[in-house]
Protein backbone atom coordinates (compact mmCIF):
# COMPACT_ATOMS: atom_id res chain seq x y z
CA MET A 1 45.29 103.30 130.69
CA ALA A 2 44.94 102.83 134.16
CA GLY A 3 45.35 99.58 136.03
CA ARG A 4 42.62 97.29 137.69
CA LEU A 5 41.91 97.19 140.93
CA GLN A 6 39.87 94.40 142.90
CA ALA A 7 37.47 96.53 144.68
CA PRO A 8 34.80 98.73 143.00
CA ILE A 9 36.00 102.82 142.62
CA VAL A 10 33.00 105.24 143.98
CA LEU A 11 32.97 108.41 142.46
CA ALA A 12 31.45 111.37 144.78
CA HIS A 13 30.35 114.80 143.07
CA GLY A 14 30.60 118.02 144.30
CA LEU A 15 28.22 120.89 144.60
CA PHE A 16 25.92 120.90 141.81
CA GLY A 17 26.62 117.29 140.72
CA PHE A 18 24.99 114.80 138.23
CA SER A 19 24.60 111.71 136.86
CA ARG A 20 23.59 112.81 133.43
CA ILE A 21 22.13 115.66 131.61
CA GLY A 22 20.04 114.23 128.15
CA PHE A 23 16.56 114.03 126.42
CA GLY A 24 15.50 110.41 127.07
CA PRO A 25 18.38 107.89 125.99
CA LEU A 26 20.57 110.12 124.73
CA THR A 27 23.00 111.51 126.73
CA LEU A 28 24.62 114.64 126.47
CA THR A 29 27.16 115.49 129.08
CA THR A 30 27.75 113.96 132.83
CA TYR A 31 29.50 115.14 135.40
CA PHE A 32 33.08 112.69 135.51
CA ARG A 33 32.87 113.12 131.54
CA GLY A 34 34.64 110.09 129.57
CA ILE A 35 36.03 109.30 133.42
CA PRO A 36 34.15 106.05 134.72
CA GLU A 37 34.48 104.95 130.93
CA ALA A 38 38.37 105.28 130.84
CA LEU A 39 38.71 103.37 134.37
CA ARG A 40 35.58 100.72 133.52
CA ALA A 41 37.62 100.17 130.47
CA SER A 42 40.61 98.46 132.34
CA GLY A 43 37.76 96.28 134.05
CA ASN A 44 37.11 98.70 137.13
CA ARG A 45 34.19 98.32 138.51
CA VAL A 46 32.82 102.11 138.64
CA LEU A 47 30.05 103.84 140.54
CA VAL A 48 28.66 106.86 140.02
CA ALA A 49 26.70 107.97 143.29
CA ARG A 50 24.61 110.65 142.60
CA VAL A 51 23.67 112.93 145.67
CA HIS A 52 21.50 115.61 146.52
CA PRO A 53 23.34 119.09 144.37
CA ILE A 54 23.35 121.51 147.22
CA ALA A 55 22.03 119.68 150.51
CA SER A 56 24.45 119.93 153.63
CA ILE A 57 27.46 117.58 153.97
CA ASP A 58 25.65 115.69 156.41
CA PHE A 59 22.77 114.93 154.25
CA ARG A 60 24.71 114.33 151.09
CA ALA A 61 27.33 111.50 152.92
CA GLN A 62 23.76 109.82 154.25
CA ARG A 63 22.93 109.75 150.63
CA LEU A 64 26.16 108.40 149.28
CA GLY A 65 26.22 105.60 151.86
CA TYR A 66 22.54 104.54 150.67
CA ARG A 67 24.14 104.73 146.62
CA ILE A 68 26.67 102.61 147.68
CA GLN A 69 25.07 99.89 149.96
CA THR A 70 22.14 99.82 147.58
CA TYR A 71 24.51 99.07 144.14
CA LEU A 72 27.54 97.28 146.23
CA PRO A 73 26.09 95.60 149.46
CA ASP A 74 28.52 94.87 152.33
CA GLU A 75 31.44 95.55 149.23
CA PRO A 76 34.76 97.41 150.21
CA VAL A 77 35.31 100.22 148.30
CA HIS A 78 37.76 102.60 146.78
CA ILE A 79 36.18 106.57 147.44
CA ILE A 80 37.61 109.33 144.75
CA GLY A 81 35.90 112.13 145.47
CA HIS A 82 36.03 115.40 143.84
CA SER A 83 35.59 118.83 145.22
CA MET A 84 32.75 118.57 148.36
CA GLY A 85 32.73 114.62 147.12
CA GLY A 86 35.50 114.37 149.04
CA LEU A 87 34.08 116.02 152.57
CA ASP A 88 30.90 114.08 151.73
CA ALA A 89 33.08 110.59 152.02
CA ARG A 90 34.79 111.98 155.18
CA ARG A 91 31.78 112.47 156.44
CA LEU A 92 30.98 109.14 156.23
CA LEU A 93 33.52 108.00 157.78
CA ASP A 94 31.74 108.73 161.05
CA GLU A 95 28.72 106.82 160.05
CA PRO A 96 28.95 103.05 161.88
CA GLY A 97 30.84 100.18 160.09
CA TRP A 98 31.70 102.41 157.01
CA ARG A 99 35.45 102.93 158.30
CA ASP A 100 35.97 98.77 157.60
CA ARG A 101 34.39 99.35 154.31
CA ILE A 102 35.99 102.29 152.73
CA LEU A 103 39.64 100.88 151.57
CA SER A 104 40.70 104.56 150.72
CA LEU A 105 39.99 107.67 149.89
CA THR A 106 41.34 110.07 147.21
CA THR A 107 39.99 114.10 147.52
CA VAL A 108 40.34 115.94 144.70
CA ALA A 109 40.37 119.44 145.02
CA THR A 110 38.40 119.53 147.87
CA PRO A 111 38.05 122.51 149.92
CA HIS A 112 39.07 120.72 153.20
CA LEU A 113 39.94 123.91 154.56
CA GLY A 114 36.86 125.89 152.97
CA THR A 115 37.30 128.47 150.19
CA ILE A 116 36.83 132.23 149.98
CA ILE A 117 34.92 131.97 147.03
CA ALA A 118 32.12 130.80 149.31
CA ASP A 119 32.27 132.93 152.21
CA PHE A 120 31.87 136.43 149.27
CA ALA A 121 28.92 134.00 147.92
CA LYS A 122 27.30 133.89 151.60
CA LEU A 123 27.78 137.74 151.58
CA ARG A 124 26.70 138.79 148.02
CA VAL A 125 23.26 135.80 147.90
CA GLY A 126 22.73 135.53 151.18
CA ARG A 127 18.74 136.42 150.07
CA ILE A 128 18.51 133.42 147.51
CA TYR A 129 19.14 131.18 150.93
CA ARG A 130 16.71 133.35 153.04
CA LEU A 131 14.08 132.11 150.04
CA LEU A 132 15.61 128.88 150.04
CA ASP A 133 15.37 128.23 153.60
CA ALA A 134 11.70 129.43 152.78
CA LEU A 135 10.94 126.97 150.53
CA GLY A 136 12.52 124.42 152.60
CA ILE A 137 15.26 124.05 150.43
CA ASP A 138 18.52 122.56 152.11
CA HIS A 139 21.16 124.60 150.82
CA ARG A 140 23.26 124.40 153.13
CA GLY A 141 26.23 122.91 151.06
CA PHE A 142 26.97 126.11 150.39
CA LEU A 143 28.03 127.12 153.92
CA ASN A 144 29.53 123.59 154.23
CA VAL A 145 32.61 125.70 152.22
CA THR A 146 32.88 128.70 154.27
CA ARG A 147 36.12 128.74 155.19
CA LEU A 148 34.75 128.64 158.80
CA GLU A 149 32.58 126.10 158.37
CA ALA A 150 35.17 123.86 156.62
CA ARG A 151 37.92 124.48 159.19
CA ARG A 152 35.06 123.42 161.97
CA PHE A 153 34.88 120.02 159.87
CA ASN A 154 38.83 119.59 159.26
CA ARG A 155 39.73 120.04 162.69
CA LEU A 156 36.77 117.59 163.67
CA ARG A 157 37.58 114.94 161.34
CA ARG A 158 41.25 113.93 160.67
CA ALA A 159 42.53 111.29 158.44
CA PRO A 160 42.18 108.01 160.05
CA GLY A 161 46.14 106.58 160.87
CA ASP A 162 44.90 103.52 159.61
CA LEU A 163 43.51 104.15 156.34
CA PRO A 164 45.16 105.02 152.99
CA CYS A 165 44.10 109.19 152.27
CA PHE A 166 45.10 110.88 150.36
CA SER A 167 44.59 114.81 148.16
CA VAL A 168 44.86 116.46 145.17
CA ALA A 169 45.07 119.64 144.03
CA GLY A 170 44.45 121.89 140.96
CA GLU A 171 47.12 124.02 139.51
CA PRO A 172 46.59 125.22 136.20
CA MET A 173 48.84 127.66 134.58
CA ALA A 174 46.47 131.16 134.19
CA LEU A 175 46.56 130.96 130.29
CA ASP A 176 45.20 127.94 130.10
CA VAL A 177 42.44 128.14 133.13
CA SER A 178 39.25 127.73 131.55
CA TRP A 179 36.75 131.28 130.54
CA PRO A 180 34.06 130.43 133.21
CA LEU A 181 37.15 130.46 136.06
CA ARG A 182 39.77 132.85 134.84
CA ARG A 183 39.04 135.80 136.85
CA LEU A 184 38.29 133.56 140.15
CA HIS A 185 41.58 132.27 139.38
CA GLU A 186 43.56 135.59 139.45
CA ALA A 187 41.58 137.02 142.09
CA LEU A 188 42.47 133.51 144.07
CA GLN A 189 45.76 133.33 142.97
CA GLU A 190 46.31 137.44 144.74
CA MET A 191 44.19 135.93 148.25
CA GLU A 192 45.71 132.47 148.28
CA GLY A 193 47.90 131.62 146.00
CA ASN A 194 48.14 128.43 143.79
CA ASN A 195 44.39 127.76 143.24
CA ASP A 196 42.35 125.44 140.33
CA GLY A 197 39.63 128.63 140.43
CA LEU A 198 37.86 127.59 143.37
CA VAL A 199 39.47 125.75 145.31
CA PRO A 200 42.71 127.00 146.88
CA SER A 201 45.89 123.94 146.68
CA ILE A 202 46.72 124.91 150.42
CA SER A 203 42.77 124.07 151.50
CA ALA A 204 42.69 120.78 148.53
CA THR A 205 45.73 119.29 150.64
CA ALA A 206 44.77 119.63 153.94
CA PHE A 207 43.80 116.40 154.33
CA GLY A 208 45.94 112.98 154.20
CA GLU A 209 48.97 113.08 152.02
CA PRO A 210 49.33 115.09 148.93
CA LEU A 211 49.84 113.95 145.64
CA ASP A 212 51.74 115.43 142.94
CA PRO A 213 49.08 118.74 141.37
CA TRP A 214 47.18 118.65 137.96
CA PRO A 215 47.51 120.56 135.64
CA LEU A 216 44.04 121.82 135.57
CA ASP A 217 41.38 123.71 136.80
CA HIS A 218 38.25 123.03 138.76
CA LEU A 219 36.06 121.88 135.78
CA GLN A 220 39.12 120.67 133.72
CA GLN A 221 39.22 118.04 136.44
CA LEU A 222 36.01 116.71 135.53
CA ASN A 223 37.47 116.55 131.12
CA TRP A 224 35.69 119.94 130.80
CA LEU A 225 36.99 122.66 128.90
CA ASN A 226 40.15 121.05 128.39
CA PRO A 227 42.80 123.67 127.05
CA ALA A 228 44.17 123.01 123.92
CA GLY A 229 48.24 121.79 123.51
CA ASP A 230 49.81 118.96 124.52
CA PRO A 231 46.99 115.85 125.01
CA ALA A 232 48.74 114.11 127.41
CA ARG A 233 49.16 116.93 129.82
CA TYR A 234 45.30 117.81 129.82
CA ASP A 235 44.12 114.30 129.88
CA ALA A 236 41.29 114.20 132.98
CA PRO A 237 41.12 110.79 132.81
CA ALA A 238 44.57 109.45 132.34
CA TYR A 239 44.89 111.50 135.96
CA TYR A 240 42.44 109.93 137.78
CA GLY A 241 44.28 106.52 135.77
CA ARG A 242 47.18 108.13 138.14
CA ILE A 243 45.25 107.08 141.15
CA ILE A 244 44.23 103.55 140.55
CA ASP A 245 47.89 103.10 139.77
CA HIS A 246 48.66 104.49 143.00
CA LEU A 247 46.60 102.34 145.04
CA ILE A 248 47.71 99.78 142.47
CA GLU A 249 51.37 99.95 144.07
CA LEU A 250 50.28 100.03 147.80
CA GLY A 251 48.86 96.49 147.16
CA PHE A 252 45.71 97.04 145.96
CA GLY A 253 45.45 95.83 142.65
CA ALA A 254 43.64 92.66 141.08
CA GLU A 255 45.75 89.45 141.13
CA GLU A 256 43.81 87.98 137.80
CA ALA A 257 42.30 89.02 134.48
CA PRO A 258 38.93 90.78 134.50
CA SER A 259 36.60 88.01 133.77
CA ARG A 260 34.77 88.41 129.93
CA ASN A 261 31.67 88.09 131.84
CA LEU A 262 32.52 91.11 134.18
CA SER A 263 29.72 93.87 134.33
CA PRO A 264 31.14 96.90 135.68
CA LEU A 265 28.39 99.30 136.72
CA GLY A 266 26.69 102.05 135.13
CA SER A 267 25.93 105.91 135.62
CA ALA A 268 22.82 104.55 134.95
CA SER A 269 22.61 102.11 137.78
CA VAL A 270 22.37 105.45 139.95
């Protein structure tokens, strides 16, 4: 079980992100499946910030800031961004006032240098992109994670020297990769080395201080399709708990026990 931070935690989702899928009050699944609940069990306040699923980093960062300000007005926060959510948070740091409010940024499987998967998608589905353009649908998120655009973004936005910034890569064993990502993982392994089925490790750790890699693929990092075997090795919520414990070691832990009246933020809030 993770420790407790003094400030709230913001979970920022990646491309195609969502807060929940369900019917009325019935929730079938969430993007960060079981992860906010695990962090809240230790008394943390957790905001799952929903933004546009495929829009540009610029627009998504704007919405991320709006969500934080709406539900945590003027409070300092720790951001954990999965995949493109890490790029959104990096972009938010450029906006006035946010540098002083973000206490730390940890990115998980974020394509800081892009991914060749996005390059291939641009070549194969260009017609779909043109259709989305014609319909006025912002789809630039797909293009933002191509290698050319992501590397330009990375050059322009270095980690601030006085802000604790960390990055995590997924490095599963080939036999543990979930079935939707197996062929992509194999192809990326040949072209770019260690990867999580979508993002190469060299890209995921190109920002901030790299932490130990997780033995989970891009979907398993969200607690989906976890492989059978040692429960501790494949416990996705526990890995997020390690991020929290690392921040506590840096001095961000809560000094007092959580109040019985504390009402942690829920996914329904956003």
